[in-house]
Protein backbone atom coordinates (compact mmCIF):
# COMPACT_ATOMS: atom_id res chain seq x y z
CA MET A 1 -26.05 -20.92 -35.40
CA VAL A 2 -24.79 -17.44 -34.57
CA SER A 3 -22.12 -16.71 -32.00
CA GLY A 4 -21.44 -13.28 -30.56
CA GLY A 5 -18.62 -11.97 -28.42
CA ASN A 6 -16.40 -9.05 -27.52
CA ALA A 7 -13.54 -9.90 -29.84
CA GLY A 8 -13.21 -8.00 -33.09
CA CYS A 9 -12.56 -8.93 -36.69
CA CYS A 10 -12.61 -7.01 -39.95
CA ASN A 11 -13.55 -8.38 -43.34
CA GLY A 12 -13.87 -11.98 -42.20
CA ALA A 13 -13.74 -13.56 -45.66
CA THR A 14 -10.49 -11.80 -46.57
CA ILE A 15 -8.77 -12.56 -43.31
CA GLU A 16 -9.97 -16.15 -43.34
CA ASP A 17 -8.63 -16.68 -46.86
CA ALA A 18 -5.30 -15.22 -45.83
CA ALA A 19 -5.14 -17.27 -42.64
CA LEU A 20 -5.78 -20.48 -44.55
CA SER A 21 -3.43 -19.72 -47.43
CA GLY A 22 -0.67 -21.51 -45.62
CA GLY A 23 1.80 -19.00 -44.32
CA SER A 24 2.05 -16.43 -41.61
CA GLN A 25 3.47 -13.92 -44.05
CA GLY A 26 0.38 -14.04 -46.25
CA CYS A 27 -1.88 -13.87 -43.24
CA ASP A 28 -0.03 -10.93 -41.72
CA SER A 29 -0.06 -8.96 -44.95
CA GLY A 30 -3.74 -9.73 -45.45
CA SER A 31 -4.81 -8.48 -42.05
CA GLY A 32 -2.26 -5.80 -41.20
CA SER A 33 -4.26 -2.98 -42.73
CA TYR A 34 -7.33 -4.07 -40.77
CA ASN A 35 -5.42 -4.12 -37.50
CA GLY A 36 -4.32 -0.58 -38.20
CA ALA A 37 -7.89 0.50 -38.81
CA LEU A 38 -9.07 -1.10 -35.56
CA THR A 39 -6.60 0.56 -33.21
CA GLY A 40 -7.37 3.50 -31.00
CA ASP A 41 -10.79 4.18 -29.54
CA SER A 42 -12.87 3.29 -32.60
CA ARG A 43 -15.74 0.85 -32.12
CA TYR A 44 -16.79 -1.65 -34.72
CA LEU A 45 -19.25 -4.43 -35.51
CA ILE A 46 -17.88 -7.21 -37.70
CA VAL A 47 -19.46 -10.36 -39.13
CA VAL A 48 -17.48 -13.50 -40.00
CA ASP A 49 -19.75 -15.73 -42.05
CA ASP A 50 -19.76 -19.54 -42.30
CA VAL A 51 -16.75 -20.68 -40.24
CA TRP A 52 -16.36 -24.45 -40.52
CA SER A 53 -13.64 -25.34 -37.99
CA VAL A 54 -12.09 -24.23 -34.72
CA PRO A 55 -8.58 -23.92 -36.26
CA THR A 56 -10.01 -21.58 -38.89
CA TRP A 57 -11.55 -19.40 -36.22
CA GLU A 58 -8.35 -19.43 -34.15
CA ALA A 59 -6.32 -18.39 -37.21
CA ILE A 60 -8.66 -15.43 -37.72
CA ARG A 61 -8.78 -14.53 -34.04
CA SER A 62 -4.98 -14.54 -33.70
CA LYS A 63 -4.74 -11.62 -36.11
CA LEU A 64 -7.16 -9.37 -34.29
CA PRO A 65 -6.29 -6.64 -31.79
CA GLU A 66 -6.91 -7.40 -28.14
CA LYS A 67 -8.22 -3.91 -27.37
CA ASN A 68 -11.84 -3.80 -28.51
CA CYS A 69 -13.40 -0.75 -26.79
CA GLY A 70 -16.81 -2.39 -26.53
CA SER A 71 -16.78 -3.60 -30.13
CA ARG A 72 -18.57 -6.78 -31.19
CA ILE A 73 -18.08 -9.69 -33.56
CA ILE A 74 -20.74 -12.01 -34.96
CA VAL A 75 -19.71 -15.44 -36.21
CA THR A 76 -22.04 -17.68 -38.19
CA THR A 77 -21.33 -21.41 -38.27
CA ARG A 78 -22.99 -24.81 -38.56
CA ILE A 79 -20.58 -26.32 -36.02
CA GLU A 80 -21.37 -26.30 -32.29
CA THR A 81 -17.70 -26.45 -31.25
CA VAL A 82 -16.91 -23.42 -33.40
CA ALA A 83 -19.73 -21.44 -31.81
CA LYS A 84 -18.42 -22.30 -28.34
CA ALA A 85 -14.85 -21.42 -29.29
CA ALA A 86 -15.96 -18.02 -30.59
CA SER A 87 -18.06 -17.16 -27.52
CA ALA A 88 -17.10 -16.07 -24.05
CA SER A 89 -20.23 -17.84 -22.79
CA GLU A 90 -22.95 -20.10 -24.19
CA TYR A 91 -25.31 -17.24 -23.36
CA PHE A 92 -24.04 -15.50 -26.51
CA ILE A 93 -24.84 -18.45 -28.81
CA HIS A 94 -28.06 -18.14 -30.77
CA HIS A 95 -29.34 -21.34 -32.39
CA MET A 96 -31.13 -20.57 -35.64
CA LYS A 97 -34.42 -22.40 -35.99
CA PRO A 98 -35.24 -24.34 -39.17
CA LEU A 99 -37.82 -22.91 -41.53
CA GLU A 100 -41.47 -23.66 -40.91
CA ARG A 101 -43.20 -25.94 -43.42
CA GLU A 102 -44.89 -23.06 -45.26
CA ALA A 103 -41.66 -21.07 -45.56
CA SER A 104 -39.77 -24.17 -46.72
CA GLU A 105 -42.27 -24.78 -49.51
CA LYS A 106 -42.24 -21.13 -50.52
CA LEU A 107 -38.44 -21.15 -50.83
CA PHE A 108 -38.40 -24.45 -52.71
CA VAL A 109 -41.12 -23.45 -55.18
CA LYS A 110 -39.52 -20.07 -55.81
CA ARG A 111 -36.15 -21.64 -56.57
CA VAL A 112 -37.58 -24.35 -58.83
CA PHE A 113 -40.40 -22.54 -60.61
CA GLY A 114 -39.61 -18.87 -60.08
CA SER A 115 -42.22 -16.29 -60.99
CA THR A 116 -42.93 -17.69 -64.46
CA GLU A 117 -45.12 -20.47 -63.05
CA LYS A 118 -46.78 -18.16 -60.51
CA GLY A 119 -45.20 -20.11 -57.69
CA ILE A 120 -47.29 -23.24 -58.23
CA CYS A 121 -46.01 -26.82 -58.03
CA PRO A 122 -47.83 -29.23 -60.40
CA LYS A 123 -50.21 -31.53 -58.55
CA GLN A 124 -48.40 -34.60 -59.88
CA LEU A 125 -45.20 -33.47 -58.15
CA LYS A 126 -46.72 -32.26 -54.89
CA ALA A 127 -46.40 -35.54 -52.94
CA THR A 128 -42.75 -35.93 -53.93
CA MET A 129 -42.06 -32.32 -53.03
CA ASP A 130 -43.53 -32.93 -49.57
CA LYS A 131 -41.17 -35.89 -49.05
CA ILE A 132 -38.19 -33.82 -50.16
CA LEU A 133 -39.05 -30.95 -47.83
CA LYS A 134 -39.52 -33.34 -44.92
CA THR A 135 -36.06 -34.80 -45.53
CA CYS A 136 -34.51 -31.32 -45.76
CA GLY A 137 -35.85 -30.57 -42.30
CA GLY A 138 -36.34 -26.86 -42.86
CA LEU A 139 -32.66 -26.22 -43.64
CA PRO A 140 -32.44 -23.47 -46.29
CA LEU A 141 -29.10 -24.65 -47.71
CA ALA A 142 -30.45 -28.17 -48.25
CA ILE A 143 -33.67 -26.88 -49.80
CA VAL A 144 -31.86 -24.58 -52.23
CA SER A 145 -29.34 -27.29 -53.17
CA ILE A 146 -32.04 -29.81 -54.06
CA ALA A 147 -34.13 -27.16 -55.82
CA SER A 148 -31.14 -26.41 -58.06
CA ILE A 149 -31.23 -30.01 -59.30
CA LEU A 150 -34.95 -29.98 -60.04
CA ALA A 151 -35.08 -26.55 -61.67
CA SER A 152 -34.64 -28.22 -65.07
CA TYR A 153 -37.48 -30.69 -64.42
CA ARG A 154 -40.37 -28.35 -63.69
CA SER A 155 -43.16 -30.12 -65.55
CA ALA A 156 -45.06 -33.26 -64.60
CA GLU A 157 -42.91 -35.13 -67.15
CA GLY A 158 -39.99 -34.72 -64.74
CA MET A 159 -41.68 -36.83 -62.06
CA GLU A 160 -39.20 -39.70 -62.39
CA MET A 161 -36.26 -37.37 -61.72
CA TRP A 162 -38.05 -35.90 -58.69
CA LYS A 163 -38.60 -39.39 -57.30
CA ARG A 164 -35.01 -40.33 -58.02
CA VAL A 165 -33.69 -37.27 -56.19
CA SER A 166 -36.08 -37.88 -53.29
CA ARG A 167 -34.75 -41.43 -52.90
CA SER A 168 -31.16 -40.21 -53.10
CA ILE A 169 -31.44 -37.57 -50.40
CA GLY A 170 -33.43 -39.93 -48.20
CA SER A 171 -30.70 -42.56 -48.30
CA GLN A 172 -27.97 -39.97 -47.74
CA MET A 173 -29.58 -38.58 -44.59
CA GLU A 174 -30.41 -42.03 -43.24
CA SER A 175 -26.81 -43.18 -43.68
CA HIS A 176 -25.28 -39.92 -42.41
CA PRO A 177 -27.79 -38.05 -40.18
CA ASN A 178 -25.27 -35.34 -39.31
CA LEU A 179 -23.11 -32.66 -40.93
CA GLU A 180 -21.49 -35.21 -43.25
CA GLY A 181 -24.94 -36.19 -44.47
CA MET A 182 -25.70 -32.55 -45.18
CA ARG A 183 -22.48 -32.17 -47.14
CA ARG A 184 -23.28 -35.25 -49.20
CA LEU A 185 -26.78 -33.95 -49.82
CA ILE A 186 -25.45 -30.63 -51.06
CA THR A 187 -23.02 -32.33 -53.45
CA LEU A 188 -25.97 -33.98 -55.17
CA SER A 189 -26.66 -30.69 -56.93
CA TYR A 190 -23.28 -31.10 -58.61
CA ASP A 191 -23.55 -34.86 -59.15
CA TYR A 192 -26.76 -34.47 -61.15
CA LEU A 193 -25.28 -31.92 -63.56
CA PRO A 194 -24.69 -33.05 -67.16
CA HIS A 195 -21.02 -33.82 -67.84
CA HIS A 196 -20.40 -30.69 -69.91
CA LEU A 197 -21.75 -28.48 -67.13
CA LYS A 198 -19.76 -30.23 -64.40
CA ALA A 199 -16.51 -29.13 -66.02
CA CYS A 200 -17.69 -25.52 -66.29
CA MET A 201 -18.94 -25.53 -62.71
CA MET A 202 -15.70 -27.02 -61.43
CA TYR A 203 -13.77 -24.30 -63.25
CA LEU A 204 -15.45 -21.71 -61.03
CA SER A 205 -13.80 -23.24 -57.97
CA MET A 206 -10.52 -21.57 -58.95
CA PHE A 207 -12.01 -18.18 -58.04
CA PRO A 208 -12.35 -16.98 -54.42
CA GLU A 209 -15.81 -16.94 -52.86
CA ASP A 210 -17.86 -13.88 -53.87
CA TYR A 211 -15.33 -13.01 -56.59
CA VAL A 212 -16.89 -10.95 -59.39
CA ILE A 213 -15.99 -11.95 -62.96
CA ALA A 214 -17.46 -10.52 -66.15
CA LYS A 215 -19.72 -12.96 -67.99
CA ASP A 216 -17.96 -12.59 -71.36
CA ARG A 217 -14.57 -13.09 -69.75
CA LEU A 218 -15.78 -16.30 -68.11
CA LEU A 219 -17.23 -17.62 -71.37
CA TYR A 220 -13.99 -16.98 -73.26
CA ARG A 221 -12.00 -18.70 -70.51
CA TRP A 222 -14.24 -21.76 -70.76
CA ILE A 223 -13.58 -21.82 -74.51
CA VAL A 224 -9.80 -21.40 -74.15
CA GLU A 225 -9.69 -24.22 -71.58
CA GLY A 226 -11.47 -26.56 -74.00
CA LEU A 227 -14.62 -26.90 -71.89
CA VAL A 228 -16.99 -25.92 -74.69
CA THR A 229 -17.96 -28.47 -77.36
CA GLU A 230 -18.76 -27.45 -80.92
CA LYS A 231 -22.39 -27.54 -82.06
CA ARG A 232 -23.59 -27.42 -85.63
CA GLY A 233 -24.80 -23.96 -86.58
CA LEU A 234 -23.49 -22.26 -83.43
CA THR A 235 -20.27 -20.46 -82.61
CA LEU A 236 -18.29 -21.59 -79.56
CA LEU A 237 -19.29 -18.38 -77.82
CA GLU A 238 -22.97 -19.12 -78.43
CA VAL A 239 -22.53 -22.64 -77.04
CA ALA A 240 -20.72 -21.26 -74.00
CA GLU A 241 -23.61 -18.88 -73.43
CA GLU A 242 -26.00 -21.85 -73.58
CA TYR A 243 -23.95 -23.53 -70.84
CA PHE A 244 -24.02 -20.35 -68.77
CA ASN A 245 -27.78 -19.93 -69.12
CA GLU A 246 -28.38 -23.57 -68.23
CA LEU A 247 -26.39 -23.19 -65.01
CA ILE A 248 -28.42 -20.10 -64.18
CA SER A 249 -31.68 -21.95 -64.88
CA ARG A 250 -30.55 -24.62 -62.43
CA ASN A 251 -29.93 -21.93 -59.79
CA MET A 252 -26.23 -22.80 -59.75
CA HIS A 253 -25.19 -19.22 -58.98
């Protein structure tokens, strides 16, 4: 859902990271330059994306100037209480609608098969795909997460894995038909990774969200950390590149 209001914020991701880093000093230093830029009569439109809790929003909001001169802030969140906390009135809350069936299938097929298969799902997998999309309920994040698992099982020979994933997400959503269920569903894309890729994927969690790192630098860091296993006839760098390409093929990026 999207929440709009009169309060202002600048560079939501940076301020949020600072606010959650555990100290007022870090938060103040992270947002001071933005406060300076937002003083005076300047007007601004700022977007804070994907806020998960009211305390997080309050930490961000506490660092913003009170004088807004007609400026606006847009907050995106999956949490109803966060949307209400960020809005002066429920009138400013916009509930995003789930994707229609056709759009859901288009997104799923594109993520799994890409353009190489001309956007076509094999007939043998169509029924299972329909079950998966029904369970995802038109939620783009769920669709993309499940598609990332199945991207390595594109042919009809991968039917057993498709059925296995379909059963898994069905049981998750039945047991937890709420936000927790969605979180568990999303973690499946990690759970189904081969062991050697799990370690490499977990390594990426040390970087901030949207952080840009050179590919070669990342590969060498994987090697130095002992995450890359030797393969006959290949250098460690070549093996690391195989890992990297496999993660990309699974849409884990």
